[in-house]
């Protein structure tokens, strides 16, 4: 007998209007996981997401109307890239990518690549932040032929400034470390108990946050078509 959470996911997929193609793909990945995982593993995963929600990270994270902090990070080639320099060329779409080990992240970054031309046409520069070291993110950039910057937010320092970093529930942290080995991706000094929300921001040249997507559930992401629509709104308001 299928677990109730798996059945719920299938129902959600059936009634989907397909208005959100990225979320449809993420939901399919979730349903696939729940069709194979034990009820105990599914429940533990859900508890971990609820723990993120209860941590208060959503309340403390920067939101629409707030001022984004400047930062300088290295890209996959080891080059320094700063937010202020990017903003000199226009509005920045900033999204967090937990790592190449996260299948949901890989689905999301591919979806954004597919909409990259639309994002650019609407006036946005797409930039992804990840705790992964540059030499770990480079294979992902090459594998998916990403046409946008992927910057290393070492130890989630920038996520901390944006208020989007959270402490994993102990059992989830233990399971993630056992399954993934995050220090292999994020460096020997990485604090294995923290991860960033899969947040997405639109930041205007004056460093104001014009749009913020925040969710405790890493299986939910900002829809690229929504980002394009928000960018178009900004162009109309100019």
Foldseek 3Di string as FASTA:
>chain_A
DADPVLVVLVVCLVPDPCPFVLLNVLSVVVSVCSRPDDPVVVVVVVVQLVVLVVVCLVVPFDFFQDFADKDWFAWLVRDIDIPLVVQVQKKEKEWEQAAPVDPSSLSVQLQCQVCVVLCVVLTYAYEYEYLFDSPRCVVSCVVSVHPHTYTHCQLCPSLVRRSFKDFTDVVVLVVCCVVPVCCVGRPPPHPSGMTGFRKIFIATSVRGTRGIDGGSDNSDHDGSVVSSVSSNVVVVVD
